[in-house]
Amino acid sequence: MSSMVQPAIAQSRAISHRWWALVALAFAQFLVVLDASIVNIALPSLGSELHLGTNTLSWVITAYVLPFGGLLLLGGRLSDRFGHRRLFMTGVAGFALASAAAGLATSGVWLLAARAIQGASAALLAPAALALVTKLFASPQDRARALGIWGAVAGMGSAAGVLLGGVLTASFGWSAVFYVNVPVAALVLAAVPFLIAKDALGERVTLDMTGSAAVTAGIVALVAALSGTERVGWTSPQTLTLAGLAVVLLGSFLFIEKRASNPLMPLVIFRNKSVTGGNLAMFLIGGATTGLFFALSVYMQQVLHYDALKAGLTQLPLAGALVAIAGVVPGAVQAIGLRKTLAASLIVLAAGLIWLSSSPSDATFAAHLLGPSLLIGIGLGGAFISGTELAVHGVADGEAGLASGLLNTSQQLGGAIGLALLTTVASARMDRLSGRGVAEAQALTGGFSWVFLGAAALAIIGAIAVLAVVRPSSRPIT
């Protein structure tokens, strides 16, 4: 009897360890996504205390986004080369140290340097973490549940940034938005060695350093060009020079990859239509959500005159809807497939954004914001979960880091491009309304309504793209 019981107990413990490992990995991913948005509400008090001008304040965000977006592909490939657990823990440790340094900052230069290290560390841990999830959960059913949780956490990070940023800034000051990362990262670092086995020694291959340098520099140039459009415009020498440099570098990267013996990003991966469709969707979701949370945060504070705490608390229904839908999505995927689940989720997201665009300058939360927030939360939850699952479907273990890095890169680039486009549209709308003598609050509201409508358009395009690119027979989970 004991000979039968012991293996069963060992198997039960192994299963339990996997799910606890998912918790640790998801916490780390939550910090990465959260940090892209949590700082927004803290910017006014941060700028006042450190005596930073408006242009410098924008670089508090950009200093994180540039290395994060630029290094994701390289980070994913490094994790395939040197081990997913090893790169994950290195990234978490760097992220924690940089977060502590940011909280201690007494000058703009100090803060921007810490933010850059945060972004670079996030580029190591994010693709490694998702690669570990896909390796830990091999069966279709378990992987569906695990990626459902993973996608929900990613979506929550975007929504919770406004919530936690407001609560922490109002209660403890701006430095708390950085310090909050440290204990969570410490717990993750302490738990992972007991939950995830050491990396097996894989084949030692030469890294494609030429391709790595080209794509990293190209993405950084592209994100820098787009991030600066709000300040200097689309036709400024700075924007045009950086955009031209990005085109040259990214074109060179594709040329290098076609000829490299061990390419950083084997272009053959895009023959997998699930990967292609998932990345297209996450690119557009990134644009929609970045524009949404930026405009919503400013709308609530500048038009509705919510303080940081109240603005944060209004995100609770959205986050709650996102968490609730996470338990439903795996069943929907089993019933109708990833393709239809993702497309339907994007349509629901678009409907919520269109509803939100009708909010007036004197909106009340219960009458005008609550309903759209719930619908947006449902759409976001479904889209993040099914989009993530689609983008890593059918990828071999040796390319799990690559697929994860590609997914995160698509989302970051989508966010940068979407935000630049949507804020340009909003600014043009605001200027036009102001020129007609419309009051400031109404002009701002008109501009933000166009941001929400533009984000809805991106979600609809994403739904069409998924249905067009992914074959109806592509059913990742059977």
Protein backbone atom coordinates (compact mmCIF):
# COMPACT_ATOMS: atom_id res chain seq x y z
CA MET A 1 0.00 0.00 0.00
CA SER A 2 2.77 2.42 0.97
CA SER A 3 4.49 1.83 -2.38
CA MET A 4 1.36 3.17 -4.10
CA VAL A 5 0.72 6.04 -1.70
CA GLN A 6 4.20 7.53 -1.78
CA PRO A 7 4.25 8.27 -5.54
CA ALA A 8 0.74 9.75 -5.30
CA ILE A 9 1.84 12.06 -2.49
CA ALA A 10 4.94 13.07 -4.44
CA GLN A 11 2.82 13.80 -7.52
CA SER A 12 0.38 15.86 -5.46
CA ARG A 13 3.23 17.92 -4.03
CA ALA A 14 4.67 18.48 -7.50
CA ILE A 15 1.30 19.74 -8.75
CA SER A 16 0.96 22.03 -5.73
CA HIS A 17 4.46 23.39 -6.31
CA ARG A 18 3.61 24.24 -9.91
CA TRP A 19 0.61 26.33 -8.92
CA TRP A 20 2.54 28.09 -6.16
CA ALA A 21 5.28 28.75 -8.70
CA LEU A 22 2.66 30.35 -10.94
CA VAL A 23 1.69 32.64 -8.08
CA ALA A 24 5.30 33.77 -7.67
CA LEU A 25 5.78 34.30 -11.41
CA ALA A 26 2.48 36.16 -11.70
CA PHE A 27 3.40 38.50 -8.84
CA ALA A 28 6.60 39.44 -10.65
CA GLN A 29 4.74 40.02 -13.92
CA PHE A 30 2.18 42.12 -12.05
CA LEU A 31 4.97 44.43 -10.86
CA VAL A 32 6.31 44.85 -14.40
CA VAL A 33 2.94 45.80 -15.88
CA LEU A 34 1.99 47.86 -12.85
CA ASP A 35 5.15 49.93 -12.98
CA ALA A 36 4.38 51.19 -16.47
CA SER A 37 1.27 52.99 -15.13
CA ILE A 38 1.50 53.37 -11.34
CA VAL A 39 3.87 56.32 -11.59
CA ASN A 40 1.44 58.47 -13.64
CA ILE A 41 -0.65 59.70 -10.71
CA ALA A 42 2.47 60.29 -8.58
CA LEU A 43 4.08 62.58 -11.20
CA PRO A 44 2.68 65.92 -9.89
CA SER A 45 3.91 65.42 -6.31
CA LEU A 46 7.15 63.84 -7.51
CA GLY A 47 7.86 66.78 -9.81
CA SER A 48 7.10 69.29 -7.08
CA GLU A 49 9.43 67.69 -4.54
CA LEU A 50 12.32 67.05 -6.96
CA HIS A 51 11.80 70.36 -8.83
CA LEU A 52 11.29 68.70 -12.21
CA GLY A 53 9.77 70.49 -15.19
CA THR A 54 7.06 69.08 -17.44
CA ASN A 55 9.53 67.79 -20.05
CA THR A 56 11.63 66.03 -17.41
CA LEU A 57 8.53 64.48 -15.84
CA SER A 58 7.63 62.82 -19.13
CA TRP A 59 11.06 61.19 -19.10
CA VAL A 60 10.22 59.47 -15.79
CA ILE A 61 7.89 57.31 -17.90
CA THR A 62 10.07 57.22 -21.01
CA ALA A 63 13.22 56.20 -19.09
CA TYR A 64 11.41 53.00 -18.06
CA VAL A 65 9.70 52.29 -21.39
CA LEU A 66 12.76 52.70 -23.64
CA PRO A 67 15.01 49.96 -22.16
CA PHE A 68 12.03 47.74 -21.40
CA GLY A 69 10.67 47.78 -24.94
CA GLY A 70 14.11 47.80 -26.57
CA LEU A 71 15.58 44.86 -24.67
CA LEU A 72 12.62 42.45 -24.54
CA LEU A 73 13.59 40.37 -27.58
CA LEU A 74 17.17 40.11 -26.36
CA GLY A 75 15.96 39.28 -22.85
CA GLY A 76 13.80 36.47 -24.19
CA ARG A 77 16.63 35.00 -26.22
CA LEU A 78 19.07 35.30 -23.32
CA SER A 79 16.66 33.31 -21.15
CA ASP A 80 16.51 30.58 -23.82
CA ARG A 81 20.33 30.57 -23.90
CA PHE A 82 21.26 30.85 -20.20
CA GLY A 83 18.17 29.45 -18.49
CA HIS A 84 14.72 30.83 -17.81
CA ARG A 85 14.90 30.57 -14.01
CA ARG A 86 18.35 32.15 -13.89
CA LEU A 87 17.36 35.16 -16.04
CA PHE A 88 14.07 35.53 -14.19
CA MET A 89 15.75 35.78 -10.80
CA THR A 90 18.42 38.14 -12.17
CA GLY A 91 15.68 40.39 -13.53
CA VAL A 92 13.66 40.35 -10.30
CA ALA A 93 16.74 41.20 -8.21
CA GLY A 94 17.68 44.08 -10.52
CA PHE A 95 14.10 45.34 -10.51
CA ALA A 96 13.95 45.36 -6.71
CA LEU A 97 17.26 47.19 -6.30
CA ALA A 98 16.35 49.76 -8.95
CA SER A 99 12.94 50.32 -7.33
CA ALA A 100 14.57 51.00 -3.96
CA ALA A 101 17.00 53.41 -5.62
CA ALA A 102 14.11 55.23 -7.35
CA GLY A 103 12.29 55.66 -4.05
CA LEU A 104 15.44 57.14 -2.48
CA ALA A 105 16.06 59.55 -5.37
CA THR A 106 16.87 63.16 -4.47
CA SER A 107 17.39 64.44 -8.02
CA GLY A 108 16.00 63.96 -11.50
CA VAL A 109 19.20 62.36 -12.82
CA TRP A 110 19.21 59.80 -9.99
CA LEU A 111 15.55 58.95 -10.57
CA LEU A 112 15.90 58.59 -14.35
CA ALA A 113 18.92 56.30 -13.97
CA ALA A 114 17.01 54.09 -11.55
CA ARG A 115 14.01 53.99 -13.88
CA ALA A 116 16.24 52.91 -16.78
CA ILE A 117 17.63 50.03 -14.70
CA GLN A 118 14.07 49.08 -13.72
CA GLY A 119 13.12 48.88 -17.40
CA ALA A 120 16.18 46.82 -18.35
CA SER A 121 15.54 44.41 -15.47
CA ALA A 122 11.89 44.08 -16.47
CA ALA A 123 13.03 43.13 -19.98
CA LEU A 124 14.92 40.19 -18.47
CA LEU A 125 12.25 38.92 -16.09
CA ALA A 126 9.07 39.32 -18.18
CA PRO A 127 9.86 36.95 -21.09
CA ALA A 128 11.61 34.48 -18.77
CA ALA A 129 8.57 34.38 -16.48
CA LEU A 130 6.11 33.60 -19.27
CA ALA A 131 8.48 30.99 -20.70
CA LEU A 132 8.57 29.31 -17.29
CA VAL A 133 4.77 29.23 -17.17
CA THR A 134 4.54 27.51 -20.56
CA LYS A 135 7.14 24.94 -19.47
CA LEU A 136 5.60 24.25 -16.06
CA PHE A 137 2.13 23.59 -17.51
CA ALA A 138 2.49 21.25 -20.46
CA SER A 139 -1.02 19.78 -20.73
CA PRO A 140 -3.54 21.87 -22.70
CA GLN A 141 -6.04 22.04 -19.84
CA ASP A 142 -3.51 23.08 -17.18
CA ARG A 143 -1.82 25.52 -19.53
CA ALA A 144 -5.19 27.11 -20.34
CA ARG A 145 -5.91 27.66 -16.65
CA ALA A 146 -2.38 28.92 -15.95
CA LEU A 147 -2.34 31.34 -18.87
CA GLY A 148 -5.82 32.46 -17.88
CA ILE A 149 -4.47 33.49 -14.50
CA TRP A 150 -1.40 35.00 -16.15
CA GLY A 151 -3.43 37.07 -18.60
CA ALA A 152 -5.74 38.27 -15.84
CA VAL A 153 -2.75 39.39 -13.79
CA ALA A 154 -1.34 41.31 -16.75
CA GLY A 155 -4.67 43.02 -17.30
CA MET A 156 -5.01 43.80 -13.61
CA GLY A 157 -1.57 45.41 -13.60
CA SER A 158 -2.72 47.95 -16.16
CA ALA A 159 -5.91 48.76 -14.28
CA ALA A 160 -4.38 48.63 -10.80
CA GLY A 161 -1.69 51.17 -11.67
CA VAL A 162 -4.17 54.02 -11.38
CA LEU A 163 -5.72 52.54 -8.23
CA LEU A 164 -2.52 51.81 -6.31
CA GLY A 165 -0.80 54.94 -7.57
CA GLY A 166 -3.56 57.07 -6.13
CA VAL A 167 -3.78 55.24 -2.80
CA LEU A 168 -0.03 55.07 -2.20
CA THR A 169 0.70 58.65 -3.26
CA ALA A 170 -2.12 60.07 -1.14
CA SER A 171 -1.23 57.96 1.90
CA PHE A 172 2.57 57.74 1.90
CA GLY A 173 3.97 60.07 -0.76
CA TRP A 174 5.37 59.48 -4.26
CA SER A 175 8.28 57.29 -3.17
CA ALA A 176 5.81 54.60 -2.05
CA VAL A 177 4.97 53.76 -5.68
CA PHE A 178 8.55 52.50 -6.01
CA TYR A 179 9.05 51.02 -2.53
CA VAL A 180 5.99 48.78 -2.93
CA ASN A 181 7.95 46.68 -5.43
CA VAL A 182 10.72 45.77 -3.00
CA PRO A 183 8.96 43.43 -0.51
CA VAL A 184 7.02 41.69 -3.28
CA ALA A 185 10.21 41.08 -5.27
CA ALA A 186 11.96 39.83 -2.12
CA LEU A 187 9.20 37.28 -1.50
CA VAL A 188 9.41 36.09 -5.11
CA LEU A 189 13.20 35.69 -4.88
CA ALA A 190 12.86 33.72 -1.65
CA ALA A 191 10.15 31.41 -3.00
CA VAL A 192 11.35 30.56 -6.52
CA PRO A 193 14.34 28.35 -5.54
CA PHE A 194 11.95 26.08 -3.63
CA LEU A 195 9.28 26.00 -6.34
CA ILE A 196 11.11 25.86 -9.69
CA ALA A 197 13.91 23.45 -10.52
CA LYS A 198 17.29 24.72 -11.64
CA ASP A 199 17.76 25.24 -15.35
CA ALA A 200 19.00 22.22 -17.26
CA LEU A 201 22.17 22.76 -19.22
CA GLY A 202 21.13 23.31 -22.82
CA GLU A 203 23.03 23.50 -26.06
CA ARG A 204 25.59 26.30 -26.05
CA VAL A 205 24.92 28.38 -29.14
CA THR A 206 26.44 31.65 -30.30
CA LEU A 207 24.20 34.63 -29.64
CA ASP A 208 23.25 36.84 -32.56
CA MET A 209 24.85 39.99 -31.13
CA THR A 210 24.69 41.95 -34.41
CA GLY A 211 20.97 41.33 -34.72
CA SER A 212 20.52 42.05 -31.00
CA ALA A 213 22.22 45.42 -31.31
CA ALA A 214 20.23 46.36 -34.42
CA VAL A 215 16.79 45.47 -33.04
CA THR A 216 17.47 46.97 -29.61
CA ALA A 217 18.68 50.25 -31.07
CA GLY A 218 15.85 50.24 -33.62
CA ILE A 219 13.10 49.74 -31.05
CA VAL A 220 14.62 52.32 -28.71
CA ALA A 221 14.77 54.85 -31.57
CA LEU A 222 11.17 54.11 -32.56
CA VAL A 223 9.81 54.39 -29.01
CA ALA A 224 11.85 57.57 -28.42
CA ALA A 225 10.45 59.11 -31.63
CA LEU A 226 6.87 58.29 -30.68
CA SER A 227 7.25 59.29 -27.02
CA GLY A 228 8.42 62.75 -28.01
CA THR A 229 5.66 63.59 -30.49
CA GLU A 230 3.42 65.19 -27.87
CA ARG A 231 6.18 67.67 -26.97
CA VAL A 232 7.81 68.42 -30.34
CA GLY A 233 5.27 67.26 -32.92
CA TRP A 234 5.25 64.66 -35.68
CA THR A 235 7.16 66.73 -38.24
CA SER A 236 9.94 68.01 -35.99
CA PRO A 237 13.58 67.21 -36.89
CA GLN A 238 13.85 65.12 -33.71
CA THR A 239 10.86 62.91 -34.56
CA LEU A 240 11.79 62.50 -38.23
CA THR A 241 15.44 61.74 -37.48
CA LEU A 242 14.64 59.14 -34.83
CA ALA A 243 11.90 57.57 -36.97
CA GLY A 244 14.25 57.37 -39.97
CA LEU A 245 16.95 55.81 -37.82
CA ALA A 246 14.43 53.28 -36.50
CA VAL A 247 13.39 52.27 -40.02
CA VAL A 248 17.02 51.77 -41.08
CA LEU A 249 17.94 49.79 -37.97
CA LEU A 250 14.85 47.56 -38.01
CA GLY A 251 15.27 46.97 -41.75
CA SER A 252 18.89 45.98 -41.08
CA PHE A 253 17.69 43.63 -38.34
CA LEU A 254 15.39 41.77 -40.73
CA PHE A 255 18.22 41.54 -43.28
CA ILE A 256 20.59 40.15 -40.61
CA GLU A 257 18.03 37.62 -39.34
CA LYS A 258 17.52 36.11 -42.80
CA ARG A 259 21.23 35.30 -43.00
CA ALA A 260 22.25 34.56 -39.40
CA SER A 261 23.11 30.97 -38.48
CA ASN A 262 21.59 31.42 -35.00
CA PRO A 263 19.21 34.38 -35.40
CA LEU A 264 17.88 36.33 -32.45
CA MET A 265 14.39 36.05 -33.93
CA PRO A 266 13.97 33.24 -36.46
CA LEU A 267 11.45 34.68 -38.91
CA VAL A 268 10.03 31.19 -39.41
CA ILE A 269 8.18 31.66 -36.11
CA PHE A 270 5.64 33.79 -37.97
CA ARG A 271 4.58 30.78 -40.04
CA ASN A 272 2.70 29.87 -36.87
CA LYS A 273 -0.52 31.82 -37.51
CA SER A 274 -1.48 31.67 -33.85
CA VAL A 275 1.73 33.47 -32.92
CA THR A 276 1.20 36.04 -35.67
CA GLY A 277 -2.45 36.64 -34.80
CA GLY A 278 -1.77 36.77 -31.07
CA ASN A 279 0.99 39.34 -31.50
CA LEU A 280 -1.15 41.50 -33.80
CA ALA A 281 -3.91 41.44 -31.21
CA MET A 282 -1.58 42.26 -28.30
CA PHE A 283 -0.03 45.10 -30.32
CA LEU A 284 -3.46 46.68 -30.75
CA ILE A 285 -4.55 45.88 -27.18
CA GLY A 286 -1.40 47.62 -25.95
CA GLY A 287 -2.30 50.74 -27.94
CA ALA A 288 -5.91 50.75 -26.74
CA THR A 289 -5.17 50.20 -23.05
CA THR A 290 -2.26 52.66 -22.84
CA GLY A 291 -4.40 55.38 -24.41
CA LEU A 292 -7.37 54.46 -22.21
CA PHE A 293 -5.62 54.62 -18.85
CA PHE A 294 -3.64 57.75 -19.72
CA ALA A 295 -6.76 59.66 -20.83
CA LEU A 296 -8.95 58.30 -18.04
CA SER A 297 -6.45 59.33 -15.36
CA VAL A 298 -6.15 62.89 -16.70
CA TYR A 299 -9.92 63.17 -17.34
CA MET A 300 -10.78 62.24 -13.77
CA GLN A 301 -8.24 64.61 -12.23
CA GLN A 302 -8.36 67.62 -14.55
CA VAL A 303 -12.01 67.57 -15.65
CA LEU A 304 -13.89 65.85 -12.83
CA HIS A 305 -11.43 67.18 -10.19
CA TYR A 306 -10.93 63.85 -8.42
CA ASP A 307 -7.92 63.74 -6.13
CA ALA A 308 -5.32 60.98 -6.56
CA LEU A 309 -7.01 58.71 -4.01
CA LYS A 310 -10.50 59.03 -5.47
CA ALA A 311 -9.19 58.59 -9.02
CA GLY A 312 -7.49 55.39 -7.92
CA LEU A 313 -10.52 53.99 -6.11
CA THR A 314 -12.75 54.45 -9.15
CA GLN A 315 -10.72 51.71 -10.87
CA LEU A 316 -11.93 49.04 -8.43
CA PRO A 317 -15.00 48.00 -10.48
CA LEU A 318 -12.90 47.66 -13.64
CA ALA A 319 -10.30 45.56 -11.83
CA GLY A 320 -13.03 43.48 -10.17
CA ALA A 321 -14.71 42.74 -13.50
CA LEU A 322 -11.35 41.75 -14.95
CA VAL A 323 -10.69 39.29 -12.13
CA ALA A 324 -14.22 37.85 -12.32
CA ILE A 325 -14.03 37.19 -16.06
CA ALA A 326 -10.70 35.34 -15.63
CA GLY A 327 -12.58 32.33 -14.29
CA VAL A 328 -14.93 32.28 -17.28
CA VAL A 329 -12.50 32.66 -20.17
CA PRO A 330 -10.95 29.13 -20.09
CA GLY A 331 -14.45 27.65 -20.42
CA ALA A 332 -15.23 29.96 -23.32
CA VAL A 333 -11.98 28.95 -25.02
CA GLN A 334 -12.85 25.28 -24.63
CA ALA A 335 -16.31 25.89 -26.09
CA ILE A 336 -15.59 28.20 -29.06
CA GLY A 337 -11.77 28.32 -29.38
CA LEU A 338 -9.21 31.04 -28.81
CA ARG A 339 -9.86 32.82 -32.11
CA LYS A 340 -13.53 33.57 -31.39
CA THR A 341 -12.97 34.21 -27.68
CA LEU A 342 -10.32 36.84 -28.40
CA ALA A 343 -12.38 38.52 -31.14
CA ALA A 344 -15.49 38.62 -28.92
CA SER A 345 -13.49 40.05 -26.01
CA LEU A 346 -12.13 42.83 -28.22
CA ILE A 347 -15.64 43.72 -29.38
CA VAL A 348 -16.82 43.92 -25.75
CA LEU A 349 -13.81 46.14 -24.96
CA ALA A 350 -14.68 48.39 -27.91
CA ALA A 351 -18.31 48.65 -26.76
CA GLY A 352 -17.20 49.77 -23.28
CA LEU A 353 -14.84 52.37 -24.75
CA ILE A 354 -17.53 53.76 -27.05
CA TRP A 355 -19.88 54.03 -24.06
CA LEU A 356 -17.17 55.78 -22.05
CA SER A 357 -16.62 58.30 -24.87
CA SER A 358 -20.11 59.73 -24.23
CA SER A 359 -19.23 60.83 -20.68
CA PRO A 360 -19.81 64.60 -20.22
CA SER A 361 -17.62 67.17 -18.46
CA ASP A 362 -19.83 66.97 -15.35
CA ALA A 363 -20.02 63.18 -15.26
CA THR A 364 -20.84 61.30 -12.08
CA PHE A 365 -19.27 57.96 -11.39
CA ALA A 366 -22.47 55.97 -10.88
CA ALA A 367 -24.31 57.40 -13.89
CA HIS A 368 -21.54 57.70 -16.46
CA LEU A 369 -18.39 55.75 -15.51
CA LEU A 370 -19.47 52.61 -13.65
CA GLY A 371 -21.19 50.83 -16.55
CA PRO A 372 -18.41 51.44 -19.09
CA SER A 373 -15.79 50.45 -16.50
CA LEU A 374 -17.43 47.06 -15.95
CA LEU A 375 -17.71 46.40 -19.67
CA ILE A 376 -14.11 47.46 -20.28
CA GLY A 377 -12.93 45.19 -17.46
CA ILE A 378 -14.73 42.21 -18.99
CA GLY A 379 -13.32 42.92 -22.44
CA LEU A 380 -9.80 43.54 -21.18
CA GLY A 381 -9.74 40.39 -19.08
CA GLY A 382 -10.88 38.20 -21.95
CA ALA A 383 -8.53 39.88 -24.43
CA PHE A 384 -5.40 39.68 -22.26
CA ILE A 385 -5.99 36.05 -21.37
CA SER A 386 -6.88 34.70 -24.81
CA GLY A 387 -4.37 36.98 -26.57
CA THR A 388 -1.52 35.75 -24.38
CA GLU A 389 -2.51 32.13 -24.89
CA LEU A 390 -2.78 32.54 -28.65
CA ALA A 391 0.63 34.24 -28.95
CA VAL A 392 2.52 31.34 -27.32
CA HIS A 393 0.57 28.44 -28.80
CA GLY A 394 2.58 25.80 -30.62
CA VAL A 395 5.99 27.22 -29.67
CA ALA A 396 8.80 24.77 -28.82
CA ASP A 397 10.44 24.93 -25.37
CA GLY A 398 13.68 26.17 -26.94
CA GLU A 399 11.86 29.23 -28.29
CA ALA A 400 9.59 29.91 -25.32
CA GLY A 401 11.66 32.89 -24.25
CA LEU A 402 11.63 34.24 -27.81
CA ALA A 403 7.83 33.95 -28.07
CA SER A 404 7.40 35.58 -24.66
CA GLY A 405 9.77 38.42 -25.53
CA LEU A 406 8.00 38.92 -28.85
CA LEU A 407 4.62 39.10 -27.12
CA ASN A 408 5.81 41.68 -24.61
CA THR A 409 7.54 43.68 -27.36
CA SER A 410 4.33 43.77 -29.41
CA GLN A 411 2.41 45.07 -26.42
CA GLN A 412 5.01 47.72 -25.58
CA LEU A 413 5.35 48.95 -29.16
CA GLY A 414 1.57 49.02 -29.49
CA GLY A 415 1.36 51.09 -26.33
CA ALA A 416 3.95 53.60 -27.52
CA ILE A 417 2.47 53.97 -31.01
CA GLY A 418 -1.13 53.98 -29.76
CA LEU A 419 -0.46 56.61 -27.10
CA ALA A 420 1.37 58.87 -29.56
CA LEU A 421 -1.41 58.64 -32.14
CA LEU A 422 -4.29 59.00 -29.70
CA THR A 423 -2.81 61.95 -27.80
CA THR A 424 -2.15 63.71 -31.11
CA VAL A 425 -5.79 63.22 -32.10
CA ALA A 426 -6.93 64.43 -28.66
CA SER A 427 -4.73 67.53 -28.79
CA ALA A 428 -6.02 68.46 -32.25
CA ARG A 429 -9.61 68.05 -31.06
CA MET A 430 -9.00 70.13 -27.93
CA ASP A 431 -7.33 72.92 -29.93
CA ARG A 432 -10.19 72.99 -32.41
CA LEU A 433 -12.82 73.22 -29.65
CA SER A 434 -10.86 75.85 -27.74
CA GLY A 435 -10.56 77.91 -30.94
CA ARG A 436 -14.34 77.96 -31.15
CA GLY A 437 -14.59 79.43 -27.66
CA VAL A 438 -15.61 76.19 -25.91
CA ALA A 439 -14.89 76.16 -22.16
CA GLU A 440 -11.72 74.35 -21.05
CA ALA A 441 -13.52 71.47 -19.31
CA GLN A 442 -15.68 70.78 -22.36
CA ALA A 443 -12.67 71.03 -24.69
CA LEU A 444 -10.71 68.55 -22.60
CA THR A 445 -13.69 66.22 -22.47
CA GLY A 446 -14.08 66.42 -26.24
CA GLY A 447 -10.44 65.53 -26.72
CA PHE A 448 -10.55 62.58 -24.33
CA SER A 449 -13.74 61.27 -25.94
CA TRP A 450 -11.77 60.96 -29.18
CA VAL A 451 -9.05 59.04 -27.34
CA PHE A 452 -11.65 56.55 -26.11
CA LEU A 453 -13.17 56.27 -29.59
CA GLY A 454 -9.71 55.79 -31.10
CA ALA A 455 -8.95 53.05 -28.57
CA ALA A 456 -12.27 51.40 -29.51
CA ALA A 457 -11.23 51.50 -33.16
CA LEU A 458 -7.96 49.74 -32.31
CA ALA A 459 -9.88 47.01 -30.47
CA ILE A 460 -12.22 46.50 -33.45
CA ILE A 461 -9.26 46.33 -35.85
CA GLY A 462 -7.72 43.75 -33.53
CA ALA A 463 -10.86 41.59 -33.66
CA ILE A 464 -10.90 41.76 -37.48
CA ALA A 465 -7.16 40.97 -37.67
CA VAL A 466 -7.48 37.88 -35.46
CA LEU A 467 -10.39 36.51 -37.48
CA ALA A 468 -8.51 37.18 -40.74
CA VAL A 469 -5.07 35.86 -39.77
CA VAL A 470 -5.81 32.85 -37.55
CA ARG A 471 -7.39 29.98 -39.44
CA PRO A 472 -10.81 28.83 -38.19
CA SER A 473 -9.33 25.34 -37.74
CA SER A 474 -6.67 26.72 -35.36
CA ARG A 475 -7.91 25.40 -32.05
CA PRO A 476 -5.11 25.59 -29.48
CA ILE A 477 -7.15 23.80 -26.84
CA THR A 478 -9.14 20.73 -27.69
